[in-house]
Amino acid sequence: MGAMTTRARPSRHVALAPGALRRAREDAGLSITALARQARLSFGHLAAVERGCDGISAPALARVVAVLDIRIADLRPERDDGPPAPA
């Protein structure tokens, strides 16, 4: 039998700013249980995402932001493209 090779698959998880999901959930007045139920996610997975221990897929994130009535960009890390260009 020949050796099997495996390719690293690119992550399909969306990076979130640390603490952003928890703040947004709390601002919406939802418990983690309520958000998980409404977004059709498990409590454990959502809790791990909030703690930064697990990633979240784009489809799951779309459900979360729909429940929270926010934009995905509101949860993404801010980009620092350096100083503004001179005028």
C-alpha atoms as a PDB file:
ATOM      1  CA  MET A   1       0.000   0.000   0.000  1.00  0.00           C
ATOM      2  CA  GLY A   2       1.200   3.471  -0.796  1.00  0.00           C
ATOM      3  CA  ALA A   3       1.628   6.162   1.804  1.00  0.00           C
ATOM      4  CA  MET A   4      -1.389   8.358   2.255  1.00  0.00           C
ATOM      5  CA  THR A   5      -0.852  12.058   2.165  1.00  0.00           C
ATOM      6  CA  THR A   6      -3.116  14.560   3.756  1.00  0.00           C
ATOM      7  CA  ARG A   7      -3.417  18.170   2.869  1.00  0.00           C
ATOM      8  CA  ALA A   8      -4.028  20.816   5.449  1.00  0.00           C
ATOM      9  CA  ARG A   9      -7.435  22.250   4.782  1.00  0.00           C
ATOM     10  CA  PRO A  10      -7.824  25.992   5.144  1.00  0.00           C
ATOM     11  CA  SER A  11      -9.856  27.047   8.143  1.00  0.00           C
ATOM     12  CA  ARG A  12     -13.453  27.747   7.301  1.00  0.00           C
ATOM     13  CA  HIS A  13     -13.956  29.619  10.546  1.00  0.00           C
ATOM     14  CA  VAL A  14     -14.426  33.360  10.748  1.00  0.00           C
ATOM     15  CA  ALA A  15     -12.093  35.250  13.085  1.00  0.00           C
ATOM     16  CA  LEU A  16     -13.874  37.393  15.647  1.00  0.00           C
ATOM     17  CA  ALA A  17     -12.517  40.214  17.762  1.00  0.00           C
ATOM     18  CA  PRO A  18     -11.889  39.023  21.328  1.00  0.00           C
ATOM     19  CA  GLY A  19     -14.968  39.633  23.464  1.00  0.00           C
ATOM     20  CA  ALA A  20     -17.014  41.110  20.615  1.00  0.00           C
ATOM     21  CA  LEU A  21     -19.615  38.364  20.472  1.00  0.00           C
ATOM     22  CA  ARG A  22     -20.200  38.402  24.217  1.00  0.00           C
ATOM     23  CA  ARG A  23     -20.555  42.201  24.267  1.00  0.00           C
ATOM     24  CA  ALA A  24     -22.992  42.119  21.362  1.00  0.00           C
ATOM     25  CA  ARG A  25     -25.035  39.374  23.013  1.00  0.00           C
ATOM     26  CA  GLU A  26     -25.145  41.229  26.314  1.00  0.00           C
ATOM     27  CA  ASP A  27     -26.028  44.503  24.543  1.00  0.00           C
ATOM     28  CA  ALA A  28     -28.945  42.655  22.938  1.00  0.00           C
ATOM     29  CA  GLY A  29     -30.081  41.506  26.384  1.00  0.00           C
ATOM     30  CA  LEU A  30     -29.799  37.817  25.527  1.00  0.00           C
ATOM     31  CA  SER A  31     -28.445  34.986  27.597  1.00  0.00           C
ATOM     32  CA  ILE A  32     -26.034  32.658  25.916  1.00  0.00           C
ATOM     33  CA  THR A  33     -28.695  29.956  26.108  1.00  0.00           C
ATOM     34  CA  ALA A  34     -31.262  32.136  24.331  1.00  0.00           C
ATOM     35  CA  LEU A  35     -28.826  33.139  21.585  1.00  0.00           C
ATOM     36  CA  ALA A  36     -27.721  29.543  21.062  1.00  0.00           C
ATOM     37  CA  ARG A  37     -31.334  28.386  20.780  1.00  0.00           C
ATOM     38  CA  GLN A  38     -32.374  31.173  18.394  1.00  0.00           C
ATOM     39  CA  ALA A  39     -29.269  30.756  16.212  1.00  0.00           C
ATOM     40  CA  ARG A  40     -29.634  26.949  16.211  1.00  0.00           C
ATOM     41  CA  LEU A  41     -26.220  26.347  17.816  1.00  0.00           C
ATOM     42  CA  SER A  42     -25.283  24.261  20.818  1.00  0.00           C
ATOM     43  CA  PHE A  43     -24.705  26.091  24.071  1.00  0.00           C
ATOM     44  CA  GLY A  44     -21.257  24.520  24.409  1.00  0.00           C
ATOM     45  CA  HIS A  45     -20.123  25.559  20.951  1.00  0.00           C
ATOM     46  CA  LEU A  46     -21.372  29.131  21.350  1.00  0.00           C
ATOM     47  CA  ALA A  47     -19.736  29.395  24.775  1.00  0.00           C
ATOM     48  CA  ALA A  48     -16.437  28.171  23.300  1.00  0.00           C
ATOM     49  CA  VAL A  49     -16.699  30.711  20.474  1.00  0.00           C
ATOM     50  CA  GLU A  50     -17.321  33.514  22.987  1.00  0.00           C
ATOM     51  CA  ARG A  51     -14.252  32.443  24.977  1.00  0.00           C
ATOM     52  CA  GLY A  52     -12.147  32.317  21.817  1.00  0.00           C
ATOM     53  CA  CYS A  53     -11.563  28.572  22.230  1.00  0.00           C
ATOM     54  CA  ASP A  54     -13.415  27.592  19.062  1.00  0.00           C
ATOM     55  CA  GLY A  55     -14.127  29.136  15.694  1.00  0.00           C
ATOM     56  CA  ILE A  56     -17.458  29.738  14.054  1.00  0.00           C
ATOM     57  CA  SER A  57     -18.448  28.959  10.489  1.00  0.00           C
ATOM     58  CA  ALA A  58     -19.771  31.662   8.194  1.00  0.00           C
ATOM     59  CA  PRO A  59     -23.286  30.131   8.036  1.00  0.00           C
ATOM     60  CA  ALA A  60     -23.475  29.871  11.837  1.00  0.00           C
ATOM     61  CA  LEU A  61     -22.169  33.411  12.218  1.00  0.00           C
ATOM     62  CA  ALA A  62     -24.792  34.651   9.762  1.00  0.00           C
ATOM     63  CA  ARG A  63     -27.502  33.143  11.993  1.00  0.00           C
ATOM     64  CA  VAL A  64     -25.958  34.733  15.099  1.00  0.00           C
ATOM     65  CA  VAL A  65     -25.766  38.227  13.625  1.00  0.00           C
ATOM     66  CA  ALA A  66     -29.328  37.913  12.306  1.00  0.00           C
ATOM     67  CA  VAL A  67     -30.557  37.170  15.836  1.00  0.00           C
ATOM     68  CA  LEU A  68     -28.459  40.008  17.282  1.00  0.00           C
ATOM     69  CA  ASP A  69     -29.491  42.380  14.453  1.00  0.00           C
ATOM     70  CA  ILE A  70     -25.900  43.454  13.820  1.00  0.00           C
ATOM     71  CA  ARG A  71     -23.392  43.191  10.963  1.00  0.00           C
ATOM     72  CA  ILE A  72     -20.640  40.583  10.781  1.00  0.00           C
ATOM     73  CA  ALA A  73     -18.196  43.495  10.538  1.00  0.00           C
ATOM     74  CA  ASP A  74     -19.250  44.521  14.061  1.00  0.00           C
ATOM     75  CA  LEU A  75     -17.640  41.325  15.374  1.00  0.00           C
ATOM     76  CA  ARG A  76     -14.512  41.268  13.220  1.00  0.00           C
ATOM     77  CA  PRO A  77     -11.094  42.407  14.438  1.00  0.00           C
ATOM     78  CA  GLU A  78     -10.291  45.958  13.500  1.00  0.00           C
ATOM     79  CA  ARG A  79      -7.671  46.336  10.826  1.00  0.00           C
ATOM     80  CA  ASP A  80      -4.753  48.649  11.279  1.00  0.00           C
ATOM     81  CA  ASP A  81      -3.513  49.644   7.857  1.00  0.00           C
ATOM     82  CA  GLY A  82      -0.979  52.024   9.337  1.00  0.00           C
ATOM     83  CA  PRO A  83      -0.984  55.795   9.347  1.00  0.00           C
ATOM     84  CA  PRO A  84      -3.155  57.676   6.878  1.00  0.00           C
ATOM     85  CA  ALA A  85      -1.566  58.741   3.605  1.00  0.00           C
ATOM     86  CA  PRO A  86      -0.254  62.320   3.539  1.00  0.00           C
ATOM     87  CA  ALA A  87      -2.640  64.835   2.016  1.00  0.00           C
END
